[in-house]
C-alpha atoms as a PDB file:
ATOM      1  CA  MET A   1      95.319 109.314  88.697  1.00  0.00           C
ATOM      2  CA  ASN A   2      95.034 105.789  89.036  1.00  0.00           C
ATOM      3  CA  LEU A   3      92.781 104.708  92.003  1.00  0.00           C
ATOM      4  CA  LEU A   4      93.046 100.839  91.840  1.00  0.00           C
ATOM      5  CA  LYS A   5      97.376 101.787  91.579  1.00  0.00           C
ATOM      6  CA  THR A   6      97.444 104.191  94.035  1.00  0.00           C
ATOM      7  CA  ILE A   7      95.392 102.420  96.576  1.00  0.00           C
ATOM      8  CA  LEU A   8      98.014  99.414  95.830  1.00  0.00           C
ATOM      9  CA  GLU A   9     100.880 101.399  96.198  1.00  0.00           C
ATOM     10  CA  LEU A  10      99.998 102.838  99.680  1.00  0.00           C
ATOM     11  CA  PHE A  11      98.781  99.066 100.949  1.00  0.00           C
ATOM     12  CA  VAL A  12     102.100  98.445  99.864  1.00  0.00           C
ATOM     13  CA  ILE A  13     104.047 100.983 101.705  1.00  0.00           C
ATOM     14  CA  SER A  14     101.819 101.239 104.916  1.00  0.00           C
ATOM     15  CA  VAL A  15      99.605  98.068 105.629  1.00  0.00           C
ATOM     16  CA  ILE A  16     102.012  95.158 104.287  1.00  0.00           C
ATOM     17  CA  PRO A  17     105.076  96.450 106.994  1.00  0.00           C
ATOM     18  CA  ILE A  18     102.593  96.831 109.597  1.00  0.00           C
ATOM     19  CA  SER A  19     101.241  93.981 109.218  1.00  0.00           C
ATOM     20  CA  ILE A  20     104.531  91.877 109.459  1.00  0.00           C
ATOM     21  CA  GLY A  21     106.191  93.679 112.233  1.00  0.00           C
ATOM     22  CA  MET A  22     102.110  92.769 113.862  1.00  0.00           C
ATOM     23  CA  ILE A  23     102.724  88.923 112.939  1.00  0.00           C
ATOM     24  CA  ILE A  24     106.812  88.932 114.214  1.00  0.00           C
ATOM     25  CA  ASN A  25     105.759  90.485 117.232  1.00  0.00           C
ATOM     26  CA  ALA A  26     102.695  87.964 117.728  1.00  0.00           C
ATOM     27  CA  LYS A  27     104.775  84.719 116.700  1.00  0.00           C
ATOM     28  CA  LYS A  28     108.261  85.509 117.823  1.00  0.00           C
ATOM     29  CA  HIS A  29     107.726  88.514 120.793  1.00  0.00           C
ATOM     30  CA  GLN A  30     111.669  87.922 121.989  1.00  0.00           C
ATOM     31  CA  LEU A  31     112.836  88.606 118.166  1.00  0.00           C
ATOM     32  CA  ALA A  32     110.530  91.955 117.906  1.00  0.00           C
ATOM     33  CA  LEU A  33     112.013  93.148 120.641  1.00  0.00           C
ATOM     34  CA  LYS A  34     115.582  92.401 119.343  1.00  0.00           C
ATOM     35  CA  LEU A  35     114.586  93.829 116.292  1.00  0.00           C
ATOM     36  CA  ARG A  36     112.818  97.371 117.469  1.00  0.00           C
ATOM     37  CA  ALA A  37     116.182  99.452 117.657  1.00  0.00           C
ATOM     38  CA  PRO A  38     117.474  98.618 114.507  1.00  0.00           C
ATOM     39  CA  VAL A  39     114.095  99.077 112.670  1.00  0.00           C
ATOM     40  CA  LYS A  40     113.600 102.246 114.716  1.00  0.00           C
ATOM     41  CA  ILE A  41     116.901 103.622 113.566  1.00  0.00           C
ATOM     42  CA  LEU A  42     116.919 102.295 109.789  1.00  0.00           C
ATOM     43  CA  SER A  43     113.262 103.785 108.840  1.00  0.00           C
ATOM     44  CA  THR A  44     114.651 107.182 110.998  1.00  0.00           C
ATOM     45  CA  VAL A  45     117.710 107.199 108.707  1.00  0.00           C
ATOM     46  CA  PHE A  46     115.660 106.104 105.529  1.00  0.00           C
ATOM     47  CA  LEU A  47     113.131 108.905 105.489  1.00  0.00           C
ATOM     48  CA  PHE A  48     115.657 111.475 106.682  1.00  0.00           C
ATOM     49  CA  LEU A  49     117.726 110.077 103.630  1.00  0.00           C
ATOM     50  CA  ILE A  50     114.848 111.032 100.937  1.00  0.00           C
ATOM     51  CA  ILE A  51     113.919 114.009 102.949  1.00  0.00           C
ATOM     52  CA  VAL A  52     117.619 115.055 101.861  1.00  0.00           C
ATOM     53  CA  ALA A  53     116.689 113.849  98.065  1.00  0.00           C
ATOM     54  CA  LEU A  54     113.735 115.444  98.140  1.00  0.00           C
ATOM     55  CA  VAL A  55     115.185 118.714  99.114  1.00  0.00           C
ATOM     56  CA  ILE A  56     118.637 118.223  97.091  1.00  0.00           C
ATOM     57  CA  LYS A  57     116.009 117.868  93.788  1.00  0.00           C
ATOM     58  CA  ASN A  58     113.737 120.525  94.558  1.00  0.00           C
ATOM     59  CA  VAL A  59     116.349 123.262  96.345  1.00  0.00           C
ATOM     60  CA  ASP A  60     115.239 126.316  94.067  1.00  0.00           C
ATOM     61  CA  ILE A  61     111.580 126.232  94.653  1.00  0.00           C
ATOM     62  CA  LEU A  62     112.105 125.442  98.764  1.00  0.00           C
ATOM     63  CA  LEU A  63     114.279 128.484  98.720  1.00  0.00           C
ATOM     64  CA  ASN A  64     111.617 130.394  96.474  1.00  0.00           C
ATOM     65  CA  ASN A  65     108.832 129.504  99.217  1.00  0.00           C
ATOM     66  CA  LEU A  66     110.856 129.388 102.071  1.00  0.00           C
ATOM     67  CA  THR A  67     109.068 132.339 103.915  1.00  0.00           C
ATOM     68  CA  THR A  68     105.517 131.538 103.000  1.00  0.00           C
ATOM     69  CA  VAL A  69     105.738 127.844 103.108  1.00  0.00           C
ATOM     70  CA  ALA A  70     108.044 127.242 106.081  1.00  0.00           C
ATOM     71  CA  PRO A  71     106.097 129.140 108.729  1.00  0.00           C
ATOM     72  CA  ALA A  72     102.917 127.322 108.153  1.00  0.00           C
ATOM     73  CA  ALA A  73     104.144 124.433 108.379  1.00  0.00           C
ATOM     74  CA  LEU A  74     106.323 125.213 111.590  1.00  0.00           C
ATOM     75  CA  LEU A  75     102.725 126.123 112.801  1.00  0.00           C
ATOM     76  CA  LEU A  76     101.625 123.094 111.906  1.00  0.00           C
ATOM     77  CA  VAL A  77     103.873 121.033 113.327  1.00  0.00           C
ATOM     78  CA  VAL A  78     103.745 122.512 116.585  1.00  0.00           C
ATOM     79  CA  PHE A  79     100.064 122.636 116.808  1.00  0.00           C
ATOM     80  CA  ALA A  80      99.981 118.937 115.838  1.00  0.00           C
ATOM     81  CA  PHE A  81     102.565 117.951 118.598  1.00  0.00           C
ATOM     82  CA  ILE A  82     100.696 120.209 121.312  1.00  0.00           C
ATOM     83  CA  GLY A  83      97.564 118.529 120.340  1.00  0.00           C
ATOM     84  CA  GLY A  84      98.635 115.142 120.554  1.00  0.00           C
ATOM     85  CA  TYR A  85      99.915 116.068 124.227  1.00  0.00           C
ATOM     86  CA  LEU A  86      96.784 117.380 125.243  1.00  0.00           C
ATOM     87  CA  VAL A  87      94.530 114.588 123.637  1.00  0.00           C
ATOM     88  CA  SER A  88      96.930 111.957 125.286  1.00  0.00           C
ATOM     89  CA  LYS A  89      96.564 114.035 128.339  1.00  0.00           C
ATOM     90  CA  LEU A  90      92.278 113.526 128.319  1.00  0.00           C
ATOM     91  CA  PHE A  91      92.657 110.028 127.254  1.00  0.00           C
ATOM     92  CA  ALA A  92      96.059 108.151 127.479  1.00  0.00           C
ATOM     93  CA  THR A  93      96.511 105.927 130.751  1.00  0.00           C
ATOM     94  CA  THR A  94      99.934 105.489 130.829  1.00  0.00           C
ATOM     95  CA  ALA A  95     102.682 107.344 129.424  1.00  0.00           C
ATOM     96  CA  ALA A  96     104.092 105.378 127.048  1.00  0.00           C
ATOM     97  CA  GLN A  97     100.366 105.525 126.025  1.00  0.00           C
ATOM     98  CA  MET A  98     100.745 109.909 126.061  1.00  0.00           C
ATOM     99  CA  ARG A  99     104.320 109.599 124.233  1.00  0.00           C
ATOM    100  CA  SER A 100     102.677 107.579 121.600  1.00  0.00           C
ATOM    101  CA  ILE A 101     100.256 109.726 121.216  1.00  0.00           C
ATOM    102  CA  THR A 102     102.355 112.486 121.118  1.00  0.00           C
ATOM    103  CA  PHE A 103     103.971 111.580 118.644  1.00  0.00           C
ATOM    104  CA  GLU A 104     101.377 109.874 116.231  1.00  0.00           C
ATOM    105  CA  VAL A 105      99.825 112.929 115.591  1.00  0.00           C
ATOM    106  CA  GLY A 106     102.973 115.300 115.652  1.00  0.00           C
ATOM    107  CA  ILE A 107     104.528 112.725 112.594  1.00  0.00           C
ATOM    108  CA  GLN A 108     102.101 110.497 111.395  1.00  0.00           C
ATOM    109  CA  ASN A 109     101.057 112.665 107.423  1.00  0.00           C
ATOM    110  CA  GLY A 110     104.730 113.818 107.013  1.00  0.00           C
ATOM    111  CA  THR A 111     106.164 110.546 105.267  1.00  0.00           C
ATOM    112  CA  LEU A 112     102.634 109.457 103.618  1.00  0.00           C
ATOM    113  CA  ALA A 113     102.089 113.448 101.760  1.00  0.00           C
ATOM    114  CA  LEU A 114     106.190 112.792 100.838  1.00  0.00           C
ATOM    115  CA  LEU A 115     105.040 109.955  98.968  1.00  0.00           C
ATOM    116  CA  ILE A 116     101.940 110.529  97.667  1.00  0.00           C
ATOM    117  CA  THR A 117     103.481 114.121  96.191  1.00  0.00           C
ATOM    118  CA  ALA A 118     106.526 112.949  94.917  1.00  0.00           C
ATOM    119  CA  THR A 119     106.069 109.320  93.348  1.00  0.00           C
ATOM    120  CA  ILE A 120     102.408 109.358  93.146  1.00  0.00           C
ATOM    121  CA  LEU A 121     101.399 112.302  91.535  1.00  0.00           C
ATOM    122  CA  GLY A 122     105.257 113.400  91.031  1.00  0.00           C
ATOM    123  CA  ILE A 123     104.390 117.683  91.255  1.00  0.00           C
ATOM    124  CA  PRO A 124     107.315 118.887  93.415  1.00  0.00           C
ATOM    125  CA  GLU A 125     105.225 122.307  93.632  1.00  0.00           C
ATOM    126  CA  MET A 126     102.583 119.824  95.778  1.00  0.00           C
ATOM    127  CA  THR A 127     105.649 118.348  97.181  1.00  0.00           C
ATOM    128  CA  LEU A 128     106.953 121.423  98.638  1.00  0.00           C
ATOM    129  CA  ALA A 129     104.334 121.724 101.796  1.00  0.00           C
ATOM    130  CA  ALA A 130     105.112 118.246 102.732  1.00  0.00           C
ATOM    131  CA  ILE A 131     108.947 118.732 102.491  1.00  0.00           C
ATOM    132  CA  PHE A 132     109.124 121.632 104.791  1.00  0.00           C
ATOM    133  CA  TYR A 133     107.153 119.710 107.365  1.00  0.00           C
ATOM    134  CA  SER A 134     108.990 116.796 106.949  1.00  0.00           C
ATOM    135  CA  LEU A 135     112.132 118.818 107.691  1.00  0.00           C
ATOM    136  CA  ILE A 136     110.350 120.907 111.089  1.00  0.00           C
ATOM    137  CA  MET A 137     109.206 117.866 111.884  1.00  0.00           C
ATOM    138  CA  PHE A 138     112.429 116.047 112.521  1.00  0.00           C
ATOM    139  CA  ALA A 139     113.883 119.331 114.608  1.00  0.00           C
ATOM    140  CA  ILE A 140     110.440 119.906 116.196  1.00  0.00           C
ATOM    141  CA  GLY A 141     110.509 115.970 116.930  1.00  0.00           C
ATOM    142  CA  PHE A 142     113.789 116.305 118.593  1.00  0.00           C
ATOM    143  CA  VAL A 143     112.699 118.600 120.685  1.00  0.00           C
ATOM    144  CA  VAL A 144     109.287 116.955 122.088  1.00  0.00           C
ATOM    145  CA  ILE A 145     112.006 114.012 122.748  1.00  0.00           C
ATOM    146  CA  TYR A 146     114.205 115.803 124.607  1.00  0.00           C
ATOM    147  CA  ILE A 147     110.915 117.885 126.995  1.00  0.00           C
ATOM    148  CA  PHE A 148     109.687 113.999 127.453  1.00  0.00           C
ATOM    149  CA  LYS A 149     113.699 113.189 128.793  1.00  0.00           C
ATOM    150  CA  VAL A 150     114.641 115.589 130.561  1.00  0.00           C
ATOM    151  CA  ARG A 151     111.969 117.858 131.812  1.00  0.00           C
ATOM    152  CA  SER A 152     109.264 115.060 132.435  1.00  0.00           C
ATOM    153  CA  PRO A 153     111.404 111.989 133.125  1.00  0.00           C
ATOM    154  CA  GLU A 154     107.896 110.425 133.758  1.00  0.00           C
ATOM    155  CA  LEU A 155     107.873 110.883 129.469  1.00  0.00           C
ATOM    156  CA  ALA A 156     110.936 109.538 129.064  1.00  0.00           C
ATOM    157  CA  MET A 157     111.328 107.690 126.385  1.00  0.00           C
ATOM    158  CA  ASP A 158     112.557 103.949 126.721  1.00  0.00           C
ATOM    159  CA  THR A 159     115.669 103.548 124.907  1.00  0.00           C
ATOM    160  CA  GLY A 160     115.807  99.701 125.241  1.00  0.00           C
ATOM    161  CA  ASN A 161     118.984  99.971 128.001  1.00  0.00           C
END
């Protein structure tokens, strides 16, 4: 694995888009607010399409490992969301911070793991855990959104409406 190439790829995939978003938010805050909803939707759709493509490409490997990898991935996702929520209860001061911490801890590494294993390393067997994690992450993420919205209105997600 070429370390410099890997660092550059990770930089281009993560640091540059985040920096662009922060600059737009600082210089053109109203534009950033207008772009918030479409960017959230597009990024979610893009990630979902990547996961679907990887599932289609690796369907045999996924099916052969469903009973061994999926339960471990499920536990990891559930504990990540619970851990994020518990940490947020200790350190967050607002409902928005609690949501953010809960989701960041619950979702944080699925996309990065897919990027590294599928493109940089190119080893399908290593992509397996990341695919299961990402699929389960979406399902659990929607459950958490439901809980925040219906069960805990004070933690409801801001839909921009």
